[in-house]
N, C-alpha and C. Protein backbone atom coordinates (compact mmCIF):
# COMPACT_ATOMS: atom_id res chain seq x y z
N MET A 1 0.82 -1.24 0.05
CA MET A 1 0.11 0.13 0.49
C MET A 1 0.98 1.24 -0.01
N ILE A 2 0.79 1.86 -1.43
CA ILE A 2 1.08 3.33 -1.05
C ILE A 2 0.39 4.96 -1.08
N ILE A 3 0.31 5.44 -0.28
CA ILE A 3 -0.01 6.59 -0.39
C ILE A 3 0.41 7.66 -0.72
N GLU A 4 0.47 8.46 -2.68
CA GLU A 4 0.78 9.44 -2.36
C GLU A 4 -0.14 10.61 -2.72
N THR A 5 0.64 11.66 -2.72
CA THR A 5 0.13 13.55 -2.07
C THR A 5 0.77 14.05 -3.81
N GLU A 6 0.50 14.96 -3.03
CA GLU A 6 1.14 15.63 -4.57
C GLU A 6 2.69 15.90 -4.35
N ARG A 7 3.52 15.93 -3.51
CA ARG A 7 4.96 15.65 -3.53
C ARG A 7 5.70 14.40 -2.87
N LEU A 8 4.54 14.13 -2.48
CA LEU A 8 5.26 12.65 -1.33
C LEU A 8 4.11 11.39 -1.53
N ARG A 9 5.80 10.07 -2.12
CA ARG A 9 4.76 8.81 -1.04
C ARG A 9 4.95 8.02 0.09
N ILE A 10 4.61 7.63 0.95
CA ILE A 10 4.18 7.31 2.00
C ILE A 10 3.99 6.03 1.55
N TYR A 11 4.43 4.99 2.87
CA TYR A 11 3.68 3.46 2.72
C TYR A 11 4.61 2.81 4.09
N PRO A 12 4.04 1.87 4.37
CA PRO A 12 4.34 1.47 5.95
C PRO A 12 5.20 0.53 5.31
N ALA A 13 6.86 0.27 6.15
CA ALA A 13 8.33 -0.03 6.24
C ALA A 13 7.74 -1.55 5.94
N ASP A 14 8.52 -2.50 4.95
CA ASP A 14 8.30 -4.32 5.84
C ASP A 14 9.47 -5.05 6.37
N LYS A 15 9.31 -6.04 6.85
CA LYS A 15 10.21 -6.47 8.02
C LYS A 15 11.52 -6.15 7.59
N SER A 16 11.88 -6.24 6.30
CA SER A 16 13.24 -6.30 6.37
C SER A 16 13.85 -4.84 6.51
N ARG A 17 13.32 -3.99 6.44
CA ARG A 17 13.78 -2.25 6.47
C ARG A 17 13.17 -1.73 7.57
N MET A 18 12.28 -2.39 8.63
CA MET A 18 12.41 -2.08 10.02
C MET A 18 13.66 -2.93 10.04
N ASP A 19 13.78 -4.18 10.10
CA ASP A 19 14.53 -5.07 10.60
C ASP A 19 16.43 -3.96 10.25
N ALA A 20 16.51 -3.47 9.57
CA ALA A 20 18.02 -2.24 8.49
C ALA A 20 17.42 -0.92 9.64
N LEU A 21 15.89 -0.95 9.65
CA LEU A 21 16.10 0.67 10.72
C LEU A 21 16.72 0.30 12.24
N ILE A 22 16.33 -0.48 12.93
CA ILE A 22 16.32 -1.29 13.49
C ILE A 22 17.93 -1.03 13.92
N SER A 23 18.47 -2.08 13.24
CA SER A 23 20.06 -2.07 13.26
C SER A 23 21.10 -0.61 12.92
N SER A 24 20.14 -0.11 12.32
CA SER A 24 21.64 1.21 12.26
C SER A 24 21.14 2.09 13.07
N GLU A 25 20.05 2.33 13.84
CA GLU A 25 19.37 3.10 15.32
C GLU A 25 20.35 3.69 16.21
N PRO A 26 21.37 4.21 16.13
CA PRO A 26 22.21 4.80 17.43
C PRO A 26 21.43 5.03 18.90
N ASP A 27 20.27 5.41 19.11
CA ASP A 27 19.94 5.98 20.01
C ASP A 27 19.48 4.69 20.28
N ASP A 28 19.45 3.82 22.00
CA ASP A 28 19.21 3.02 22.26
C ASP A 28 17.64 3.70 22.86
N GLU A 29 16.97 4.54 23.05
CA GLU A 29 15.90 4.31 23.11
C GLU A 29 14.81 4.58 22.02
N LEU A 30 15.21 5.18 21.00
CA LEU A 30 14.13 4.62 19.46
C LEU A 30 14.78 3.28 19.28
N ARG A 31 15.38 3.04 19.24
CA ARG A 31 15.87 1.57 19.03
C ARG A 31 15.06 0.95 19.66
N ALA A 32 14.55 0.96 20.96
CA ALA A 32 13.76 0.12 21.71
C ALA A 32 12.79 -0.06 21.14
N ALA A 33 11.94 1.71 21.06
CA ALA A 33 10.90 1.48 20.21
C ALA A 33 10.87 1.18 19.13
N TYR A 34 11.47 0.93 17.99
CA TYR A 34 11.52 0.37 16.78
C TYR A 34 11.36 -1.36 17.21
N SER A 35 11.86 -1.53 18.08
CA SER A 35 11.93 -3.47 17.94
C SER A 35 10.58 -3.51 18.77
N GLU A 36 10.25 -2.47 19.81
CA GLU A 36 8.96 -2.66 19.45
C GLU A 36 7.15 -2.77 19.01
N MET A 37 7.79 -1.63 17.62
CA MET A 37 6.62 -1.87 16.37
C MET A 37 7.12 -2.61 15.83
N LEU A 38 7.90 -3.37 15.57
CA LEU A 38 8.37 -4.33 15.03
C LEU A 38 7.74 -5.91 15.56
N GLY A 39 8.05 -5.99 16.79
CA GLY A 39 7.33 -6.94 17.89
C GLY A 39 5.56 -7.16 17.07
N ASN A 40 5.45 -5.46 17.65
CA ASN A 40 3.53 -5.97 17.49
C ASN A 40 3.20 -5.59 15.88
N CYS A 41 4.02 -5.58 14.55
CA CYS A 41 4.01 -6.11 13.83
C CYS A 41 3.74 -7.30 13.26
N LEU A 42 4.81 -8.35 14.29
CA LEU A 42 4.76 -9.86 13.64
C LEU A 42 3.82 -10.26 14.44
N LYS A 43 3.12 -9.66 15.79
CA LYS A 43 2.18 -10.06 16.61
C LYS A 43 1.18 -10.38 15.88
N TYR A 44 0.91 -8.67 15.18
CA TYR A 44 -0.55 -8.40 15.00
C TYR A 44 -0.33 -8.03 13.19
N PRO A 45 -0.08 -9.12 12.45
CA PRO A 45 0.43 -9.16 10.91
C PRO A 45 -0.88 -8.38 9.86
N ASP A 46 -1.88 -8.83 10.66
CA ASP A 46 -3.40 -8.63 9.79
C ASP A 46 -3.45 -6.71 10.04
N LYS A 47 -2.68 -6.08 10.79
CA LYS A 47 -2.96 -5.23 12.03
C LYS A 47 -1.13 -4.59 11.21
N TRP A 48 -0.91 -4.70 10.43
CA TRP A 48 1.12 -4.55 10.15
C TRP A 48 1.04 -2.64 9.78
N GLU A 49 -0.31 -2.48 9.20
CA GLU A 49 -0.13 -0.61 8.72
C GLU A 49 -0.10 -0.06 10.26
N TRP A 50 -1.12 -0.36 11.69
CA TRP A 50 -1.11 0.16 12.82
C TRP A 50 -0.11 0.55 13.63
N TYR A 51 1.28 -1.02 13.59
CA TYR A 51 2.40 -0.86 13.83
C TYR A 51 3.22 -0.54 13.49
N ALA A 52 3.34 -0.75 12.25
CA ALA A 52 4.80 -0.24 11.40
C ALA A 52 5.42 0.97 11.31
N MET A 53 6.47 1.19 11.36
CA MET A 53 6.92 2.21 10.76
C MET A 53 7.18 2.68 9.30
N TRP A 54 6.36 4.20 8.85
CA TRP A 54 5.65 4.18 7.57
C TRP A 54 6.99 5.68 7.14
N VAL A 55 7.26 5.05 6.18
CA VAL A 55 8.78 5.94 5.31
C VAL A 55 7.62 7.08 4.68
N ILE A 56 8.65 8.27 4.57
CA ILE A 56 8.36 9.15 3.82
C ILE A 56 9.03 9.33 2.68
N GLU A 57 8.73 9.89 1.71
CA GLU A 57 9.49 9.93 0.22
C GLU A 57 9.30 10.99 -0.52
N LEU A 58 9.88 11.44 -0.92
CA LEU A 58 10.38 12.30 -2.32
C LEU A 58 9.55 11.58 -3.31
N HIS A 59 9.30 11.75 -4.15
CA HIS A 59 8.41 10.86 -5.41
C HIS A 59 10.07 10.61 -6.35
N ASP A 60 10.84 11.25 -5.99
CA ASP A 60 11.99 10.63 -6.41
C ASP A 60 12.72 9.65 -5.74
N GLY A 61 11.89 8.69 -4.66
CA GLY A 61 12.82 8.22 -4.08
C GLY A 61 13.89 8.78 -2.59
N THR A 62 13.83 9.83 -2.15
CA THR A 62 14.45 10.52 -1.45
C THR A 62 13.61 10.36 -0.07
N HIS A 63 14.33 10.01 0.59
CA HIS A 63 13.88 9.65 2.13
C HIS A 63 14.28 11.13 2.66
N ILE A 64 13.08 11.40 3.22
CA ILE A 64 12.80 12.61 4.17
C ILE A 64 12.38 12.85 5.58
N GLY A 65 12.09 11.48 6.31
CA GLY A 65 11.13 11.12 7.27
C GLY A 65 10.45 9.99 7.68
N GLY A 66 9.61 10.04 8.99
CA GLY A 66 8.67 8.67 8.60
C GLY A 66 7.83 8.98 10.10
N LEU A 67 6.54 8.29 9.90
CA LEU A 67 6.09 8.24 10.30
C LEU A 67 5.34 6.76 11.36
N CYS A 68 4.47 6.73 12.95
CA CYS A 68 3.60 5.68 12.59
C CYS A 68 3.38 5.86 13.50
N PHE A 69 2.08 4.43 13.84
CA PHE A 69 0.80 4.54 14.61
C PHE A 69 1.22 3.11 15.49
N LYS A 70 0.82 3.91 17.13
CA LYS A 70 0.91 3.28 17.65
C LYS A 70 -0.44 2.20 18.33
N GLY A 71 -0.92 1.31 17.71
CA GLY A 71 -2.05 0.67 17.58
C GLY A 71 -3.81 1.30 17.03
N ILE A 72 -4.78 0.56 17.41
CA ILE A 72 -5.64 1.30 17.53
C ILE A 72 -6.83 0.94 19.31
N ASN A 73 -6.36 1.96 19.97
CA ASN A 73 -6.90 1.60 21.05
C ASN A 73 -8.47 1.19 21.29
N THR A 74 -9.20 0.46 22.67
CA THR A 74 -10.13 0.69 23.16
C THR A 74 -11.17 1.56 22.61
N TYR A 75 -11.21 2.41 22.73
CA TYR A 75 -12.02 3.88 22.73
C TYR A 75 -12.20 4.60 20.66
N GLY A 76 -11.32 3.21 19.96
CA GLY A 76 -11.11 3.87 18.70
C GLY A 76 -10.38 4.81 18.52
N ALA A 77 -9.16 4.82 19.17
CA ALA A 77 -8.44 6.58 18.98
C ALA A 77 -6.64 5.36 18.95
N ALA A 78 -6.01 6.27 17.08
CA ALA A 78 -4.54 6.18 16.96
C ALA A 78 -4.15 6.82 17.01
N GLU A 79 -2.87 6.75 18.02
CA GLU A 79 -2.53 7.97 18.58
C GLU A 79 -1.37 7.57 17.62
N ILE A 80 -0.18 8.91 16.66
CA ILE A 80 1.05 8.82 15.31
C ILE A 80 1.91 10.35 15.92
N GLY A 81 3.20 9.71 15.53
CA GLY A 81 3.79 9.85 15.89
C GLY A 81 5.06 10.47 14.35
N TYR A 82 5.55 11.20 13.67
CA TYR A 82 6.03 11.70 12.96
C TYR A 82 7.35 12.33 12.81
N GLY A 83 8.18 12.09 12.14
CA GLY A 83 9.39 13.68 11.74
C GLY A 83 9.78 13.36 10.89
N ILE A 84 10.33 14.49 10.25
CA ILE A 84 10.68 14.98 8.80
C ILE A 84 12.36 14.91 9.17
N SER A 85 13.45 15.02 8.55
CA SER A 85 14.77 15.36 8.60
C SER A 85 14.75 16.74 8.68
N GLU A 86 16.16 16.98 9.12
CA GLU A 86 16.04 18.48 9.77
C GLU A 86 16.15 19.30 7.89
N GLU A 87 17.07 18.51 7.29
CA GLU A 87 16.83 19.42 6.07
C GLU A 87 16.25 19.58 5.15
N TYR A 88 15.15 19.15 5.33
CA TYR A 88 13.78 18.94 4.43
C TYR A 88 12.54 19.96 5.72
N GLN A 89 13.00 20.26 6.48
CA GLN A 89 11.73 20.72 7.06
C GLN A 89 11.54 22.54 6.90
N ASN A 90 10.25 22.81 7.32
CA ASN A 90 9.89 23.95 7.12
C ASN A 90 9.59 23.83 5.47
N ARG A 91 9.47 23.13 4.92
CA ARG A 91 8.72 23.12 3.66
C ARG A 91 7.16 22.56 3.50
N GLY A 92 6.79 22.61 4.68
CA GLY A 92 5.49 21.70 4.84
C GLY A 92 5.28 20.27 4.99
N TYR A 93 6.19 19.42 4.08
CA TYR A 93 5.93 18.14 4.56
C TYR A 93 5.24 17.39 5.36
N GLY A 94 5.76 17.83 6.66
CA GLY A 94 5.57 17.74 7.53
C GLY A 94 3.18 18.02 8.21
N THR A 95 3.06 18.29 7.25
CA THR A 95 1.80 18.99 7.22
C THR A 95 0.85 18.22 6.31
N GLU A 96 1.64 17.89 4.86
CA GLU A 96 1.24 17.13 4.02
C GLU A 96 1.18 15.58 4.64
N ALA A 97 2.45 15.02 4.99
CA ALA A 97 2.12 13.35 5.62
C ALA A 97 1.30 13.14 6.93
N VAL A 98 0.50 14.31 7.60
CA VAL A 98 0.34 14.05 8.41
C VAL A 98 -1.46 13.99 8.00
N LYS A 99 -1.65 15.32 7.52
CA LYS A 99 -3.02 15.39 6.26
C LYS A 99 -3.41 13.90 5.61
N ALA A 100 -2.05 13.68 5.18
CA ALA A 100 -2.66 11.98 4.19
C ALA A 100 -2.59 10.56 5.22
N ILE A 101 -1.78 10.69 6.21
CA ILE A 101 -1.79 9.84 6.80
C ILE A 101 -3.44 9.22 7.65
N SER A 102 -3.94 10.87 8.36
CA SER A 102 -4.80 10.93 8.61
C SER A 102 -5.94 10.83 7.64
N CYS A 103 -6.15 11.16 7.32
CA CYS A 103 -7.36 10.22 5.77
C CYS A 103 -7.06 9.33 5.98
N TRP A 104 -6.41 8.70 5.13
CA TRP A 104 -6.21 7.16 5.22
C TRP A 104 -6.87 5.96 6.32
N ALA A 105 -6.42 7.32 7.51
CA ALA A 105 -6.73 6.46 8.82
C ALA A 105 -7.91 6.51 9.32
N PHE A 106 -8.61 7.37 8.34
CA PHE A 106 -10.34 7.55 8.90
C PHE A 106 -11.05 6.39 7.63
N LYS A 107 -10.30 5.78 6.82
CA LYS A 107 -11.26 5.06 5.93
C LYS A 107 -11.56 3.69 6.93
N ASN A 108 -11.15 3.83 8.19
CA ASN A 108 -10.93 2.51 8.73
C ASN A 108 -12.52 3.04 10.00
N PRO A 109 -13.41 2.11 9.56
CA PRO A 109 -15.05 2.54 10.09
C PRO A 109 -14.67 2.33 11.82
N ASN A 110 -13.69 1.71 12.19
CA ASN A 110 -13.37 1.69 13.90
C ASN A 110 -12.42 3.04 14.40
N LEU A 111 -12.56 3.43 13.45
CA LEU A 111 -11.37 4.67 13.52
C LEU A 111 -12.04 5.86 14.59
N ASN A 112 -12.33 6.42 15.47
CA ASN A 112 -13.25 7.63 16.06
C ASN A 112 -12.51 8.86 16.20
N ALA A 113 -10.54 8.93 16.25
CA ALA A 113 -10.32 9.92 16.44
C ALA A 113 -8.59 9.20 16.21
N VAL A 114 -7.74 10.43 15.25
CA VAL A 114 -6.06 10.39 15.67
C VAL A 114 -5.40 11.47 16.48
N GLU A 115 -4.78 10.86 17.45
CA GLU A 115 -3.83 11.86 18.48
C GLU A 115 -2.27 11.67 18.40
N ALA A 116 -2.19 12.84 19.22
CA ALA A 116 -0.73 12.80 19.01
C ALA A 116 -0.21 13.61 19.85
N GLU A 117 1.05 13.29 20.18
CA GLU A 117 1.85 14.33 21.97
C GLU A 117 3.13 15.18 21.30
N THR A 118 3.07 16.28 21.38
CA THR A 118 4.30 16.68 20.84
C THR A 118 4.54 17.60 22.54
N ASP A 119 6.38 17.73 22.16
CA ASP A 119 6.57 18.64 23.56
C ASP A 119 6.37 20.01 23.48
N PRO A 120 5.45 21.42 24.11
CA PRO A 120 4.78 22.37 24.48
C PRO A 120 5.73 23.18 24.22
N ASP A 121 7.21 22.75 23.93
CA ASP A 121 8.25 23.87 22.85
C ASP A 121 8.67 23.38 22.28
N ASN A 122 7.92 22.80 21.17
CA ASN A 122 8.00 22.09 19.53
C ASN A 122 6.91 22.97 19.16
N ILE A 123 7.36 23.74 18.82
CA ILE A 123 6.27 25.31 17.45
C ILE A 123 6.44 24.36 16.13
N ALA A 124 7.30 24.59 16.11
CA ALA A 124 7.01 23.45 14.31
C ALA A 124 5.80 22.46 14.06
N SER A 125 5.92 21.79 15.30
CA SER A 125 4.93 19.99 15.33
C SER A 125 3.92 20.81 15.89
N ILE A 126 3.62 21.80 16.61
CA ILE A 126 2.35 22.03 16.97
C ILE A 126 1.85 22.67 15.64
N ARG A 127 2.42 23.43 15.03
CA ARG A 127 1.79 24.34 13.37
C ARG A 127 0.51 23.11 12.68
N VAL A 128 2.12 21.72 12.56
CA VAL A 128 1.36 20.66 11.84
C VAL A 128 0.49 20.56 12.30
N LEU A 129 0.29 20.07 13.78
CA LEU A 129 -0.85 18.90 14.05
C LEU A 129 -1.99 20.47 13.44
N GLU A 130 -1.52 21.64 13.91
CA GLU A 130 -2.92 23.23 14.35
C GLU A 130 -3.30 22.87 12.41
N LYS A 131 -2.51 23.11 11.84
CA LYS A 131 -2.76 23.25 10.28
C LYS A 131 -3.39 22.09 9.96
N CYS A 132 -3.30 20.95 10.54
CA CYS A 132 -4.11 19.32 10.39
C CYS A 132 -5.31 19.02 10.98
N GLY A 133 -5.65 20.38 12.15
CA GLY A 133 -7.20 20.39 12.25
C GLY A 133 -7.27 19.80 13.48
N PHE A 134 -5.87 19.32 14.37
CA PHE A 134 -5.90 18.58 15.66
C PHE A 134 -6.04 20.03 16.32
N ILE A 135 -6.99 19.53 18.00
CA ILE A 135 -6.75 20.58 18.52
C ILE A 135 -6.02 20.19 19.85
N ALA A 136 -5.88 21.08 20.45
CA ALA A 136 -4.92 20.70 22.19
C ALA A 136 -5.93 20.28 23.15
N ASN A 137 -6.54 18.80 23.71
CA ASN A 137 -7.31 18.34 24.89
C ASN A 137 -7.05 19.24 26.32
N GLY A 138 -5.77 20.01 26.68
CA GLY A 138 -5.29 19.92 27.81
C GLY A 138 -4.69 18.99 28.77
N LYS A 139 -4.76 17.59 27.92
CA LYS A 139 -3.85 16.50 28.60
C LYS A 139 -2.60 16.47 28.23
N PHE A 140 -1.76 16.18 28.84
CA PHE A 140 -0.21 16.04 28.94
C PHE A 140 0.09 14.08 28.80
N GLY A 141 1.21 13.54 27.82
CA GLY A 141 1.00 12.55 28.15
C GLY A 141 2.55 11.93 27.94
N GLU A 142 3.14 11.47 27.80
CA GLU A 142 4.29 10.72 28.64
C GLU A 142 5.65 11.90 27.10
N GLU A 143 5.21 12.00 26.06
CA GLU A 143 5.97 13.02 25.01
C GLU A 143 5.75 14.80 24.88
N GLY A 144 4.34 15.37 26.06
CA GLY A 144 4.39 16.67 26.16
C GLY A 144 2.46 16.42 25.55
N SER A 145 1.89 17.62 24.91
CA SER A 145 0.27 18.02 25.48
C SER A 145 0.08 17.53 24.16
N ARG A 146 -1.07 17.13 24.62
CA ARG A 146 -2.07 16.02 23.51
C ARG A 146 -3.07 16.62 22.87
N PHE A 147 -3.38 16.27 21.75
CA PHE A 147 -3.81 16.46 20.04
C PHE A 147 -4.53 15.83 20.20
N VAL A 148 -5.79 16.82 19.55
CA VAL A 148 -6.73 15.06 19.33
C VAL A 148 -7.41 16.00 17.96
N LEU A 149 -7.46 14.65 16.75
CA LEU A 149 -8.28 14.78 15.46
C LEU A 149 -9.48 14.66 15.53
N ASP A 150 -10.56 14.54 15.53
CA ASP A 150 -12.02 14.18 15.96
C ASP A 150 -12.16 13.35 14.32
N ARG A 151 -12.67 12.51 14.00
CA ARG A 151 -13.72 12.04 13.13
C ARG A 151 -14.42 12.98 12.92
N ASN A 152 -15.36 12.80 13.63
CA ASN A 152 -16.46 13.94 12.87
C ASN A 152 -16.56 15.42 12.30
N VAL A 153 -15.08 15.88 13.09
CA VAL A 153 -14.44 17.13 12.49
C VAL A 153 -14.39 17.36 11.31
N SER A 154 -12.94 15.96 11.18
CA SER A 154 -12.16 15.95 10.27
C SER A 154 -12.70 15.46 8.88
N GLU A 155 -14.54 15.33 8.88
CA GLU A 155 -15.31 15.52 8.31
C GLU A 155 -16.01 15.54 7.53
N GLY A 156 -16.17 16.70 8.67
CA GLY A 156 -17.14 18.27 8.71
C GLY A 156 -16.66 19.58 7.43
């Protein structure tokens, strides 16, 4: 499966790409998170897209970032995480990717909301979420302020 936007190609990484990402990641915390993601992909292969690392590329194949879901919880919400490589930031790629993946996610009839957390000092990430229609809900998680895009709002 590939999501195509005006400038981007976004798709879930397969096992070999996730293995390569894990083995090349120098940060212990990220390596552990990627390993957990792969473990969930293997545990729930029919829900691969909801646990995999997604690749964000330009149409020419240049890798510029990644995103992920953390599964769908019992309330019908899926949390996303995303990042754009520093040299490609401030060009609207994050906004384009988050809009596209949120649109794709809401094709699942069991999904009621897409959620994200970001550090309150990460103004660029907050702007991406706001441009995509996410609203701060006043709660805080492990990674910072919590933002929610409700299905009813995104379809309105």
